[in-house]
Each structure stands twice: as structure tokens, then as C-alpha cells.
């Protein structure tokens, strides 16, 4: 990760899978091609729009887990982490995890935070080296945790819910849990990354 004048660049390994057709060719012909997607994020001095370490860890976890699952497709068909899935990011800030999910093939990514961060998020989507198709799969919405109308507008349940460094204010945990319950179901995978800062 490199930081320069408020710009953070995260290089993320993404995988393009071959056709998988058995034509008698060497298996390397149908191997997965790994490329690098550069996610370029503008951050500010405000804590809520900073690229925290937990978001970088979560983005790389998604990348590594997706590659591992794709390598095991013969044994675990359809067991992808975010590829082909509807993904929600809560408290997105700079939206690193959500942009990473789109780069890894999520069918739709709803990136949420307070209204004041929507333009920052949209700019980060534009500035990242996503394909046009991947960028179109990202929807940016305002979501105050615990707000029934805004939760309904997100149109859950989602296949995957992501949150990074959202667990730092004890007073917001009840609203976070309410939102997680409202936008998930029994089949939803919830991935939360955070840095333990307090004893």
C-alpha cells in the first residue's frame, strides 16, 4: 500500500477464469489468469473517510479467498465468496471492500454510508482501475444504521455483507446489529474486520 497526499493505492489480485472447455489441450490453456486491479482511493483527515488497515486486510482476504474457491470449483461448485453474489458494504468510508468485491465479480455491490460521503465514494469508484462493467455494478446509497426506510431501500437480503472498522463506538453497536438483521437472512455471509484497540 502506498500513501501520497491523501491518495491510497491498493493493488488487488483478481482472477479471470478460462473457458473450462475440455478440448484435449494442455490444462494450462484453460488456467486462471491473474491480473492486478489498482483501487485508487481519496481519503481525508476525517476518521470516517480514512483507509484503515482493517479495510485493506478485508479486501485482500476477499481476493485470496475468491482465488482459493475458484481453484476448488471442481469440488465445490458455486462456492464462491463474492463472485456472482449480491454484496452490501456497511459504513463504507472510502469503499475499499465494496470496490474490491466488484473487481472480484460480485453481481451487485451496494456501498453505504452517511450521505456526506457519497460523492467521495463515487469518485473512488471512478478513479479505480475497474472495468466499466464492474463499475456499473456498484450502487452508492445513504444508510443510517437502524433507519427502517433506508434499510428497505437497500433491498435485502444480501448474499454477503461486509464491514471494516465499524466497531469502534459502543453506542452504535445496537443500530449495527439491527441493520445486519434487517438486511440478511439465514444464508447471508457476514464478514467484519476490525482492529482491536482497547482492553
N, C-alpha and C. Protein backbone atom coordinates (compact mmCIF):
# COMPACT_ATOMS: atom_id res chain seq x y z
N UNK A 1 0.85 -1.18 0.00
CA UNK A 1 0.00 0.00 0.00
C UNK A 1 0.89 1.23 0.00
N UNK A 2 0.56 2.21 -0.83
CA UNK A 2 1.33 3.45 -0.86
C UNK A 2 0.40 4.63 -0.59
N UNK A 3 0.90 5.60 0.17
CA UNK A 3 0.10 6.76 0.53
C UNK A 3 0.82 8.01 0.05
N UNK A 4 0.11 8.92 -0.65
CA UNK A 4 0.73 10.15 -1.14
C UNK A 4 -0.33 11.23 -1.22
N UNK A 5 -0.20 12.24 -0.38
CA UNK A 5 -1.13 13.38 -0.39
C UNK A 5 -2.60 12.95 -0.32
N UNK A 6 -2.88 12.07 0.59
CA UNK A 6 -4.26 11.66 0.79
C UNK A 6 -4.77 10.63 -0.19
N UNK A 7 -3.90 10.18 -1.11
CA UNK A 7 -4.30 9.15 -2.07
C UNK A 7 -3.72 7.81 -1.62
N UNK A 8 -4.56 6.80 -1.57
CA UNK A 8 -4.12 5.46 -1.21
C UNK A 8 -4.34 4.54 -2.40
N UNK A 9 -3.33 3.78 -2.76
CA UNK A 9 -3.46 2.81 -3.85
C UNK A 9 -3.26 1.41 -3.30
N UNK A 10 -4.24 0.55 -3.57
CA UNK A 10 -4.18 -0.84 -3.13
C UNK A 10 -4.23 -1.72 -4.37
N UNK A 11 -3.20 -2.54 -4.55
CA UNK A 11 -3.16 -3.46 -5.69
C UNK A 11 -3.80 -4.77 -5.26
N UNK A 12 -4.81 -5.18 -6.01
CA UNK A 12 -5.59 -6.36 -5.64
C UNK A 12 -5.53 -7.39 -6.76
N UNK A 13 -5.18 -8.62 -6.42
CA UNK A 13 -5.13 -9.68 -7.42
C UNK A 13 -6.55 -10.14 -7.75
N UNK A 14 -6.89 -10.11 -9.03
CA UNK A 14 -8.19 -10.59 -9.49
C UNK A 14 -7.96 -11.69 -10.52
N UNK A 15 -8.91 -12.58 -10.64
CA UNK A 15 -8.72 -13.76 -11.47
C UNK A 15 -9.71 -13.80 -12.61
N UNK A 16 -9.20 -14.02 -13.82
CA UNK A 16 -10.05 -14.29 -14.99
C UNK A 16 -9.95 -15.76 -15.30
N UNK A 17 -11.07 -16.44 -15.23
CA UNK A 17 -11.07 -17.87 -15.44
C UNK A 17 -11.23 -18.20 -16.91
N UNK A 18 -10.49 -19.19 -17.38
CA UNK A 18 -10.60 -19.63 -18.76
C UNK A 18 -11.93 -20.28 -19.05
N UNK A 19 -12.15 -20.68 -20.31
CA UNK A 19 -13.45 -21.22 -20.71
C UNK A 19 -13.80 -22.51 -20.00
N UNK A 20 -12.76 -23.28 -19.62
CA UNK A 20 -13.01 -24.53 -18.91
C UNK A 20 -13.45 -25.65 -19.82
N UNK A 21 -13.49 -25.44 -21.14
CA UNK A 21 -13.92 -26.47 -22.07
C UNK A 21 -12.80 -27.47 -22.27
N UNK A 22 -13.14 -28.72 -22.30
CA UNK A 22 -12.16 -29.78 -22.47
C UNK A 22 -11.98 -30.05 -23.95
N UNK A 23 -10.90 -29.54 -24.52
CA UNK A 23 -10.65 -29.75 -25.94
C UNK A 23 -9.38 -30.55 -26.16
N UNK A 24 -8.92 -31.22 -25.08
CA UNK A 24 -7.73 -32.03 -25.22
C UNK A 24 -6.45 -31.23 -25.13
N UNK A 25 -6.56 -29.92 -24.95
CA UNK A 25 -5.38 -29.10 -24.84
C UNK A 25 -4.78 -29.24 -23.45
N UNK A 26 -3.54 -28.78 -23.32
CA UNK A 26 -2.89 -28.79 -22.03
C UNK A 26 -3.73 -27.99 -21.04
N UNK A 27 -3.79 -28.46 -19.79
CA UNK A 27 -4.63 -27.80 -18.80
C UNK A 27 -4.22 -26.36 -18.58
N UNK A 28 -2.98 -26.01 -18.87
CA UNK A 28 -2.53 -24.63 -18.70
C UNK A 28 -3.27 -23.67 -19.62
N UNK A 29 -3.79 -24.19 -20.75
CA UNK A 29 -4.51 -23.33 -21.69
C UNK A 29 -5.78 -22.77 -21.06
N UNK A 30 -6.37 -23.56 -20.15
CA UNK A 30 -7.60 -23.13 -19.51
C UNK A 30 -7.36 -22.63 -18.09
N UNK A 31 -6.13 -22.37 -17.75
CA UNK A 31 -5.80 -21.93 -16.40
C UNK A 31 -6.36 -20.55 -16.14
N UNK A 32 -6.45 -20.24 -14.87
CA UNK A 32 -6.93 -18.94 -14.49
C UNK A 32 -5.81 -17.91 -14.66
N UNK A 33 -6.16 -16.79 -15.25
CA UNK A 33 -5.19 -15.72 -15.45
C UNK A 33 -5.38 -14.68 -14.35
N UNK A 34 -4.35 -14.44 -13.58
CA UNK A 34 -4.43 -13.48 -12.50
C UNK A 34 -3.94 -12.12 -12.98
N UNK A 35 -4.76 -11.13 -12.79
CA UNK A 35 -4.40 -9.76 -13.14
C UNK A 35 -4.43 -8.91 -11.87
N UNK A 36 -3.98 -7.69 -11.99
CA UNK A 36 -3.97 -6.79 -10.84
C UNK A 36 -4.91 -5.62 -11.09
N UNK A 37 -5.81 -5.40 -10.18
CA UNK A 37 -6.68 -4.24 -10.22
C UNK A 37 -6.18 -3.24 -9.19
N UNK A 38 -5.93 -2.02 -9.62
CA UNK A 38 -5.49 -0.98 -8.70
C UNK A 38 -6.69 -0.17 -8.24
N UNK A 39 -6.93 -0.21 -6.95
CA UNK A 39 -8.02 0.57 -6.36
C UNK A 39 -7.40 1.84 -5.80
N UNK A 40 -7.79 2.96 -6.40
CA UNK A 40 -7.20 4.26 -6.04
C UNK A 40 -8.22 5.06 -5.24
N UNK A 41 -7.90 5.32 -4.00
CA UNK A 41 -8.85 5.92 -3.07
C UNK A 41 -8.38 7.28 -2.58
N UNK A 42 -9.30 8.23 -2.59
CA UNK A 42 -9.04 9.52 -1.97
C UNK A 42 -9.55 9.44 -0.54
N UNK A 43 -8.72 9.86 0.39
CA UNK A 43 -9.15 9.88 1.78
C UNK A 43 -8.98 11.30 2.33
N UNK A 44 -9.61 11.56 3.44
CA UNK A 44 -9.48 12.88 4.06
C UNK A 44 -8.96 12.71 5.47
N UNK A 45 -8.87 13.80 6.19
CA UNK A 45 -8.41 13.73 7.56
C UNK A 45 -9.52 13.30 8.51
N UNK A 46 -10.74 13.22 8.01
CA UNK A 46 -11.85 12.77 8.84
C UNK A 46 -11.72 11.27 9.08
N UNK A 47 -11.87 10.81 10.32
CA UNK A 47 -11.72 9.37 10.62
C UNK A 47 -12.64 8.48 9.80
N UNK A 48 -13.86 8.97 9.50
CA UNK A 48 -14.81 8.13 8.78
C UNK A 48 -14.50 7.99 7.30
N UNK A 49 -13.58 8.78 6.79
CA UNK A 49 -13.22 8.66 5.37
C UNK A 49 -11.71 8.43 5.22
N UNK A 50 -11.20 7.59 6.11
CA UNK A 50 -9.80 7.19 6.09
C UNK A 50 -9.71 5.73 5.71
N UNK A 51 -8.68 5.36 4.98
CA UNK A 51 -8.47 3.95 4.65
C UNK A 51 -7.75 3.30 5.82
N UNK A 52 -8.50 2.59 6.64
CA UNK A 52 -7.93 1.93 7.80
C UNK A 52 -7.36 0.57 7.42
N UNK A 53 -6.43 0.09 8.23
CA UNK A 53 -5.78 -1.19 7.93
C UNK A 53 -6.78 -2.34 7.80
N UNK A 54 -7.84 -2.31 8.61
CA UNK A 54 -8.81 -3.41 8.56
C UNK A 54 -9.47 -3.53 7.20
N UNK A 55 -9.69 -2.40 6.52
CA UNK A 55 -10.31 -2.46 5.20
C UNK A 55 -9.35 -3.06 4.17
N UNK A 56 -8.06 -2.77 4.32
CA UNK A 56 -7.06 -3.35 3.42
C UNK A 56 -6.99 -4.86 3.64
N UNK A 57 -6.99 -5.28 4.89
CA UNK A 57 -6.97 -6.71 5.22
C UNK A 57 -8.20 -7.41 4.66
N UNK A 58 -9.38 -6.80 4.82
CA UNK A 58 -10.62 -7.41 4.32
C UNK A 58 -10.60 -7.53 2.80
N UNK A 59 -10.13 -6.50 2.10
CA UNK A 59 -10.06 -6.55 0.64
C UNK A 59 -9.14 -7.68 0.17
N UNK A 60 -7.98 -7.81 0.81
CA UNK A 60 -7.06 -8.87 0.41
C UNK A 60 -7.60 -10.25 0.80
N UNK A 61 -8.32 -10.31 1.91
CA UNK A 61 -8.95 -11.59 2.29
C UNK A 61 -9.94 -12.03 1.22
N UNK A 62 -10.76 -11.10 0.72
CA UNK A 62 -11.71 -11.43 -0.33
C UNK A 62 -10.99 -11.94 -1.57
N UNK A 63 -9.91 -11.28 -1.94
CA UNK A 63 -9.15 -11.67 -3.13
C UNK A 63 -8.57 -13.07 -2.99
N UNK A 64 -7.93 -13.33 -1.85
CA UNK A 64 -7.29 -14.64 -1.63
C UNK A 64 -8.34 -15.74 -1.54
N UNK A 65 -9.42 -15.47 -0.78
CA UNK A 65 -10.46 -16.48 -0.62
C UNK A 65 -11.15 -16.79 -1.94
N UNK A 66 -11.37 -15.77 -2.76
CA UNK A 66 -12.01 -15.98 -4.06
C UNK A 66 -11.13 -16.85 -4.95
N UNK A 67 -9.83 -16.58 -4.97
CA UNK A 67 -8.92 -17.38 -5.78
C UNK A 67 -8.89 -18.83 -5.30
N UNK A 68 -8.87 -19.03 -3.99
CA UNK A 68 -8.85 -20.39 -3.45
C UNK A 68 -10.12 -21.14 -3.82
N UNK A 69 -11.26 -20.46 -3.72
CA UNK A 69 -12.52 -21.12 -4.06
C UNK A 69 -12.59 -21.45 -5.54
N UNK A 70 -12.09 -20.57 -6.39
CA UNK A 70 -12.12 -20.84 -7.83
C UNK A 70 -11.22 -22.02 -8.19
N UNK A 71 -10.12 -22.15 -7.47
CA UNK A 71 -9.23 -23.28 -7.72
C UNK A 71 -9.87 -24.60 -7.30
N UNK A 72 -10.86 -24.54 -6.42
CA UNK A 72 -11.52 -25.75 -5.93
C UNK A 72 -12.92 -25.92 -6.53
N UNK A 73 -13.18 -25.27 -7.65
CA UNK A 73 -14.53 -25.31 -8.23
C UNK A 73 -14.99 -26.73 -8.55
N UNK A 74 -14.09 -27.59 -8.93
CA UNK A 74 -14.49 -28.95 -9.27
C UNK A 74 -15.08 -29.67 -8.06
N UNK A 75 -14.56 -29.35 -6.88
CA UNK A 75 -15.07 -29.98 -5.66
C UNK A 75 -16.19 -29.18 -5.01
N UNK A 76 -16.18 -27.89 -5.21
CA UNK A 76 -17.16 -27.02 -4.55
C UNK A 76 -17.79 -26.09 -5.57
N UNK A 77 -18.63 -26.59 -6.41
CA UNK A 77 -19.24 -25.79 -7.47
C UNK A 77 -20.10 -24.68 -6.87
N UNK A 78 -19.88 -23.48 -7.36
CA UNK A 78 -20.67 -22.35 -6.93
C UNK A 78 -20.29 -21.78 -5.58
N UNK A 79 -19.27 -22.34 -4.94
CA UNK A 79 -18.91 -21.90 -3.59
C UNK A 79 -17.97 -20.71 -3.62
N UNK A 80 -18.33 -19.71 -4.42
CA UNK A 80 -17.50 -18.52 -4.47
C UNK A 80 -17.80 -17.63 -3.26
N UNK A 81 -16.90 -16.71 -2.99
CA UNK A 81 -17.09 -15.82 -1.85
C UNK A 81 -17.95 -14.63 -2.25
N UNK A 82 -17.57 -13.91 -3.29
CA UNK A 82 -18.37 -12.76 -3.73
C UNK A 82 -18.76 -12.83 -5.21
N UNK A 83 -18.05 -13.61 -6.01
CA UNK A 83 -18.35 -13.67 -7.44
C UNK A 83 -19.78 -14.14 -7.68
N UNK A 84 -20.52 -13.34 -8.44
CA UNK A 84 -21.91 -13.69 -8.74
C UNK A 84 -22.87 -13.42 -7.60
N UNK A 85 -22.41 -12.79 -6.53
CA UNK A 85 -23.25 -12.58 -5.35
C UNK A 85 -23.65 -11.11 -5.23
N UNK A 86 -24.78 -10.88 -4.54
CA UNK A 86 -25.16 -9.51 -4.14
C UNK A 86 -24.47 -9.19 -2.84
N UNK A 87 -23.73 -8.08 -2.85
CA UNK A 87 -22.88 -7.73 -1.72
C UNK A 87 -23.28 -6.36 -1.19
N UNK A 88 -23.28 -6.22 0.12
CA UNK A 88 -23.55 -4.95 0.79
C UNK A 88 -22.33 -4.58 1.62
N UNK A 89 -21.87 -3.32 1.50
CA UNK A 89 -20.85 -2.83 2.41
C UNK A 89 -21.47 -1.78 3.32
N UNK A 90 -21.28 -1.98 4.61
CA UNK A 90 -21.81 -1.05 5.62
C UNK A 90 -20.68 -0.13 6.08
N UNK A 91 -21.04 1.12 6.38
CA UNK A 91 -20.05 2.07 6.88
C UNK A 91 -18.83 2.14 5.99
N UNK A 92 -19.06 2.30 4.69
CA UNK A 92 -18.02 2.07 3.70
C UNK A 92 -16.84 3.03 3.79
N UNK A 93 -17.08 4.29 4.20
CA UNK A 93 -15.98 5.25 4.21
C UNK A 93 -15.45 5.47 2.80
N UNK A 94 -14.25 4.99 2.53
CA UNK A 94 -13.65 5.11 1.19
C UNK A 94 -14.08 3.98 0.26
N UNK A 95 -14.78 2.98 0.79
CA UNK A 95 -15.39 1.89 0.00
C UNK A 95 -14.40 0.90 -0.57
N UNK A 96 -13.27 0.69 0.08
CA UNK A 96 -12.29 -0.26 -0.43
C UNK A 96 -12.86 -1.67 -0.57
N UNK A 97 -13.52 -2.17 0.47
CA UNK A 97 -14.04 -3.54 0.42
C UNK A 97 -15.10 -3.70 -0.66
N UNK A 98 -15.98 -2.72 -0.80
CA UNK A 98 -17.03 -2.80 -1.81
C UNK A 98 -16.46 -2.76 -3.22
N UNK A 99 -15.49 -1.88 -3.46
CA UNK A 99 -14.86 -1.81 -4.77
C UNK A 99 -14.12 -3.11 -5.06
N UNK A 100 -13.47 -3.68 -4.05
CA UNK A 100 -12.79 -4.96 -4.22
C UNK A 100 -13.78 -6.05 -4.61
N UNK A 101 -14.95 -6.07 -3.97
CA UNK A 101 -15.96 -7.08 -4.29
C UNK A 101 -16.42 -6.96 -5.74
N UNK A 102 -16.58 -5.73 -6.22
CA UNK A 102 -16.97 -5.54 -7.63
C UNK A 102 -15.87 -6.03 -8.55
N UNK A 103 -14.62 -5.74 -8.21
CA UNK A 103 -13.50 -6.18 -9.04
C UNK A 103 -13.40 -7.71 -9.08
N UNK A 104 -13.86 -8.36 -8.02
CA UNK A 104 -13.80 -9.81 -7.93
C UNK A 104 -15.03 -10.50 -8.51
N UNK A 105 -15.94 -9.72 -9.10
CA UNK A 105 -17.04 -10.32 -9.85
C UNK A 105 -18.38 -10.37 -9.17
N UNK A 106 -18.58 -9.62 -8.09
CA UNK A 106 -19.91 -9.58 -7.47
C UNK A 106 -20.94 -9.10 -8.49
N UNK A 107 -22.14 -9.67 -8.45
CA UNK A 107 -23.17 -9.29 -9.42
C UNK A 107 -23.72 -7.89 -9.15
N UNK A 108 -23.75 -7.50 -7.88
CA UNK A 108 -24.13 -6.15 -7.50
C UNK A 108 -23.48 -5.84 -6.16
N UNK A 109 -23.01 -4.61 -6.01
CA UNK A 109 -22.44 -4.17 -4.74
C UNK A 109 -23.15 -2.89 -4.33
N UNK A 110 -23.82 -2.92 -3.20
CA UNK A 110 -24.45 -1.73 -2.65
C UNK A 110 -23.53 -1.20 -1.56
N UNK A 111 -22.95 -0.05 -1.81
CA UNK A 111 -21.99 0.57 -0.90
C UNK A 111 -22.72 1.65 -0.13
N UNK A 112 -22.68 1.59 1.21
CA UNK A 112 -23.48 2.50 2.01
C UNK A 112 -22.64 3.23 3.05
N UNK A 113 -23.08 4.43 3.33
CA UNK A 113 -22.52 5.24 4.41
C UNK A 113 -23.42 6.46 4.57
N UNK A 114 -22.99 7.40 5.38
CA UNK A 114 -23.76 8.63 5.53
C UNK A 114 -23.73 9.43 4.23
N UNK A 115 -24.73 10.26 4.04
CA UNK A 115 -24.88 10.99 2.78
C UNK A 115 -23.66 11.83 2.42
N UNK A 116 -22.99 12.37 3.41
CA UNK A 116 -21.85 13.26 3.17
C UNK A 116 -20.67 12.56 2.51
N UNK A 117 -20.66 11.23 2.50
CA UNK A 117 -19.53 10.50 1.91
C UNK A 117 -19.86 9.92 0.53
N UNK A 118 -21.06 10.14 0.04
CA UNK A 118 -21.46 9.53 -1.23
C UNK A 118 -20.60 10.00 -2.40
N UNK A 119 -20.32 11.29 -2.47
CA UNK A 119 -19.51 11.80 -3.59
C UNK A 119 -18.08 11.30 -3.51
N UNK A 120 -17.53 11.19 -2.29
CA UNK A 120 -16.20 10.63 -2.11
C UNK A 120 -16.15 9.20 -2.64
N UNK A 121 -17.16 8.41 -2.29
CA UNK A 121 -17.22 7.02 -2.73
C UNK A 121 -17.33 6.93 -4.25
N UNK A 122 -18.22 7.74 -4.83
CA UNK A 122 -18.38 7.72 -6.29
C UNK A 122 -17.08 8.09 -6.98
N UNK A 123 -16.35 9.06 -6.44
CA UNK A 123 -15.06 9.43 -7.02
C UNK A 123 -14.06 8.30 -6.93
N UNK A 124 -14.06 7.56 -5.82
CA UNK A 124 -13.14 6.44 -5.67
C UNK A 124 -13.47 5.32 -6.65
N UNK A 125 -14.75 5.11 -6.91
CA UNK A 125 -15.14 4.12 -7.92
C UNK A 125 -14.62 4.53 -9.29
N UNK A 126 -14.79 5.81 -9.64
CA UNK A 126 -14.33 6.31 -10.95
C UNK A 126 -12.81 6.21 -11.09
N UNK A 127 -12.08 6.47 -10.02
CA UNK A 127 -10.62 6.54 -10.10
C UNK A 127 -9.93 5.19 -10.01
N UNK A 128 -10.66 4.16 -9.66
CA UNK A 128 -10.07 2.83 -9.58
C UNK A 128 -10.04 2.18 -10.96
N UNK A 129 -9.14 1.25 -11.15
CA UNK A 129 -8.99 0.64 -12.47
C UNK A 129 -9.98 -0.51 -12.67
N UNK A 130 -11.24 -0.24 -12.34
CA UNK A 130 -12.29 -1.21 -12.59
C UNK A 130 -12.68 -1.18 -14.06
N UNK A 131 -13.16 -2.29 -14.57
CA UNK A 131 -13.75 -2.27 -15.90
C UNK A 131 -15.06 -1.48 -15.81
N UNK A 132 -15.53 -0.98 -16.94
CA UNK A 132 -16.79 -0.24 -16.93
C UNK A 132 -17.93 -1.12 -16.42
N UNK A 133 -17.88 -2.39 -16.79
CA UNK A 133 -18.93 -3.32 -16.35
C UNK A 133 -18.92 -3.46 -14.84
N UNK A 134 -17.73 -3.61 -14.25
CA UNK A 134 -17.63 -3.76 -12.79
C UNK A 134 -18.09 -2.49 -12.09
N UNK A 135 -17.71 -1.33 -12.62
CA UNK A 135 -18.11 -0.06 -12.00
C UNK A 135 -19.62 0.12 -12.03
N UNK A 136 -20.27 -0.34 -13.10
CA UNK A 136 -21.73 -0.21 -13.21
C UNK A 136 -22.45 -1.08 -12.19
N UNK A 137 -21.78 -2.09 -11.68
CA UNK A 137 -22.41 -2.98 -10.70
C UNK A 137 -22.41 -2.40 -9.28
N UNK A 138 -21.80 -1.23 -9.11
CA UNK A 138 -21.74 -0.60 -7.79
C UNK A 138 -22.82 0.46 -7.67
N UNK A 139 -23.59 0.36 -6.61
CA UNK A 139 -24.63 1.34 -6.29
C UNK A 139 -24.24 1.99 -4.96
N UNK A 140 -24.26 3.31 -4.92
CA UNK A 140 -23.90 4.03 -3.70
C UNK A 140 -25.17 4.60 -3.08
N UNK A 141 -25.42 4.24 -1.82
CA UNK A 141 -26.65 4.67 -1.15
C UNK A 141 -26.35 5.18 0.25
N UNK A 142 -27.19 6.10 0.69
CA UNK A 142 -27.13 6.54 2.08
C UNK A 142 -27.78 5.49 2.96
N UNK A 143 -27.15 5.18 4.08
CA UNK A 143 -27.76 4.25 5.03
C UNK A 143 -27.30 4.61 6.44
N UNK A 144 -28.25 5.10 7.21
CA UNK A 144 -28.04 5.29 8.64
C UNK A 144 -28.50 4.01 9.31
N UNK A 145 -27.62 3.39 10.05
CA UNK A 145 -27.96 2.12 10.68
C UNK A 145 -29.21 2.27 11.55
N UNK A 146 -30.10 1.30 11.43
CA UNK A 146 -31.32 1.29 12.22
C UNK A 146 -32.47 2.08 11.62
N UNK A 147 -32.25 2.76 10.48
CA UNK A 147 -33.31 3.53 9.83
C UNK A 147 -34.12 2.58 8.94
N UNK A 148 -35.37 2.30 9.30
CA UNK A 148 -36.16 1.31 8.55
C UNK A 148 -36.32 1.64 7.07
N UNK A 149 -36.57 2.92 6.75
CA UNK A 149 -36.79 3.30 5.35
C UNK A 149 -35.52 3.12 4.53
N UNK A 150 -34.40 3.55 5.07
CA UNK A 150 -33.15 3.43 4.33
C UNK A 150 -32.72 1.97 4.22
N UNK A 151 -33.00 1.18 5.24
CA UNK A 151 -32.71 -0.25 5.16
C UNK A 151 -33.55 -0.90 4.06
N UNK A 152 -34.82 -0.55 4.00
CA UNK A 152 -35.71 -1.12 2.99
C UNK A 152 -35.26 -0.73 1.59
N UNK A 153 -34.73 0.49 1.44
CA UNK A 153 -34.28 0.96 0.13
C UNK A 153 -33.08 0.17 -0.39
N UNK A 154 -32.36 -0.48 0.51
CA UNK A 154 -31.21 -1.30 0.10
C UNK A 154 -31.62 -2.62 -0.53
N UNK A 155 -32.87 -3.04 -0.29
CA UNK A 155 -33.45 -4.23 -0.91
C UNK A 155 -32.70 -5.51 -0.55
N UNK A 156 -32.61 -5.77 0.73
CA UNK A 156 -32.04 -7.02 1.20
C UNK A 156 -33.02 -8.16 1.01
N UNK A 157 -32.66 -9.37 1.36
CA UNK A 157 -31.39 -9.75 1.97
C UNK A 157 -30.26 -9.86 0.94
N UNK A 158 -29.04 -9.77 1.43
CA UNK A 158 -27.85 -9.88 0.59
C UNK A 158 -27.18 -11.22 0.80
N UNK A 159 -26.42 -11.61 -0.20
CA UNK A 159 -25.64 -12.85 -0.07
C UNK A 159 -24.45 -12.66 0.86
N UNK A 160 -23.84 -11.48 0.78
CA UNK A 160 -22.65 -11.17 1.58
C UNK A 160 -22.78 -9.75 2.12
N UNK A 161 -22.43 -9.56 3.39
CA UNK A 161 -22.37 -8.23 3.98
C UNK A 161 -20.96 -8.01 4.51
N UNK A 162 -20.38 -6.86 4.14
CA UNK A 162 -19.02 -6.53 4.53
C UNK A 162 -19.03 -5.29 5.43
N UNK A 163 -18.14 -5.29 6.41
CA UNK A 163 -17.94 -4.10 7.24
C UNK A 163 -16.51 -4.12 7.74
N UNK A 164 -15.84 -2.97 7.67
CA UNK A 164 -14.47 -2.92 8.18
C UNK A 164 -14.30 -1.70 9.07
N UNK A 165 -13.74 -1.96 10.25
CA UNK A 165 -13.50 -0.92 11.26
C UNK A 165 -14.75 -0.10 11.55
N UNK A 166 -15.88 -0.80 11.66
CA UNK A 166 -17.13 -0.14 12.04
C UNK A 166 -17.43 -0.33 13.53
N UNK A 167 -16.65 -1.19 14.18
CA UNK A 167 -16.91 -1.49 15.60
C UNK A 167 -15.90 -0.73 16.45
N UNK A 168 -16.17 0.55 16.64
CA UNK A 168 -15.29 1.35 17.49
C UNK A 168 -16.07 2.25 18.43
N UNK A 169 -17.36 2.40 18.18
CA UNK A 169 -18.21 3.21 19.05
C UNK A 169 -19.29 2.31 19.63
N UNK A 170 -19.19 2.03 20.92
CA UNK A 170 -20.10 1.09 21.56
C UNK A 170 -21.55 1.52 21.37
N UNK A 171 -21.81 2.80 21.38
CA UNK A 171 -23.19 3.29 21.29
C UNK A 171 -23.84 3.01 19.94
N UNK A 172 -23.04 2.67 18.92
CA UNK A 172 -23.61 2.40 17.60
C UNK A 172 -23.84 0.91 17.34
N UNK A 173 -23.42 0.05 18.26
CA UNK A 173 -23.49 -1.39 18.01
C UNK A 173 -24.92 -1.90 17.89
N UNK A 174 -25.82 -1.38 18.70
CA UNK A 174 -27.21 -1.83 18.64
C UNK A 174 -27.81 -1.55 17.27
N UNK A 175 -27.57 -0.35 16.74
CA UNK A 175 -28.08 0.01 15.41
C UNK A 175 -27.43 -0.84 14.33
N UNK A 176 -26.15 -1.14 14.48
CA UNK A 176 -25.46 -2.00 13.52
C UNK A 176 -26.09 -3.39 13.48
N UNK A 177 -26.32 -3.96 14.65
CA UNK A 177 -26.94 -5.29 14.72
C UNK A 177 -28.34 -5.27 14.11
N UNK A 178 -29.11 -4.22 14.39
CA UNK A 178 -30.45 -4.08 13.81
C UNK A 178 -30.37 -4.09 12.28
N UNK A 179 -29.41 -3.36 11.73
CA UNK A 179 -29.25 -3.29 10.28
C UNK A 179 -28.80 -4.63 9.71
N UNK A 180 -27.87 -5.29 10.37
CA UNK A 180 -27.43 -6.61 9.91
C UNK A 180 -28.59 -7.60 9.86
N UNK A 181 -29.42 -7.57 10.87
CA UNK A 181 -30.57 -8.48 10.90
C UNK A 181 -31.58 -8.13 9.81
N UNK A 182 -31.77 -6.85 9.56
CA UNK A 182 -32.76 -6.41 8.57
C UNK A 182 -32.33 -6.76 7.14
N UNK A 183 -31.04 -6.81 6.88
CA UNK A 183 -30.55 -6.96 5.50
C UNK A 183 -29.89 -8.31 5.24
N UNK A 184 -30.09 -9.24 6.14
CA UNK A 184 -29.53 -10.58 5.96
C UNK A 184 -30.61 -11.62 6.16
N UNK A 185 -30.28 -12.85 5.79
CA UNK A 185 -31.12 -13.99 6.14
C UNK A 185 -30.22 -15.14 6.53
N UNK A 186 -30.79 -16.33 6.63
CA UNK A 186 -30.04 -17.49 7.13
C UNK A 186 -28.83 -17.80 6.25
N UNK A 187 -28.92 -17.48 4.97
CA UNK A 187 -27.85 -17.83 4.03
C UNK A 187 -26.79 -16.74 3.85
N UNK A 188 -26.97 -15.59 4.48
CA UNK A 188 -26.04 -14.48 4.31
C UNK A 188 -24.72 -14.75 5.01
N UNK A 189 -23.63 -14.44 4.32
CA UNK A 189 -22.30 -14.49 4.94
C UNK A 189 -21.93 -13.07 5.35
N UNK A 190 -21.62 -12.88 6.62
CA UNK A 190 -21.26 -11.57 7.15
C UNK A 190 -19.79 -11.58 7.52
N UNK A 191 -19.02 -10.68 6.90
CA UNK A 191 -17.59 -10.58 7.16
C UNK A 191 -17.29 -9.21 7.77
N UNK A 192 -16.81 -9.22 9.00
CA UNK A 192 -16.49 -7.98 9.70
C UNK A 192 -15.02 -8.00 10.08
N UNK A 193 -14.29 -6.97 9.66
CA UNK A 193 -12.88 -6.84 10.01
C UNK A 193 -12.71 -5.61 10.90
N UNK A 194 -11.96 -5.77 11.96
CA UNK A 194 -11.73 -4.61 12.83
C UNK A 194 -10.40 -4.80 13.57
N UNK A 195 -9.87 -3.69 14.00
CA UNK A 195 -8.65 -3.69 14.77
C UNK A 195 -8.99 -3.54 16.25
N UNK A 196 -8.49 -4.47 17.07
CA UNK A 196 -8.75 -4.40 18.49
C UNK A 196 -7.86 -3.32 19.09
N UNK A 197 -8.48 -2.25 19.56
CA UNK A 197 -7.71 -1.10 20.04
C UNK A 197 -7.77 -0.91 21.55
N UNK A 198 -8.74 -1.54 22.19
CA UNK A 198 -8.94 -1.28 23.61
C UNK A 198 -8.92 -2.59 24.38
N UNK A 199 -8.50 -2.50 25.62
CA UNK A 199 -8.51 -3.67 26.50
C UNK A 199 -9.93 -3.93 27.02
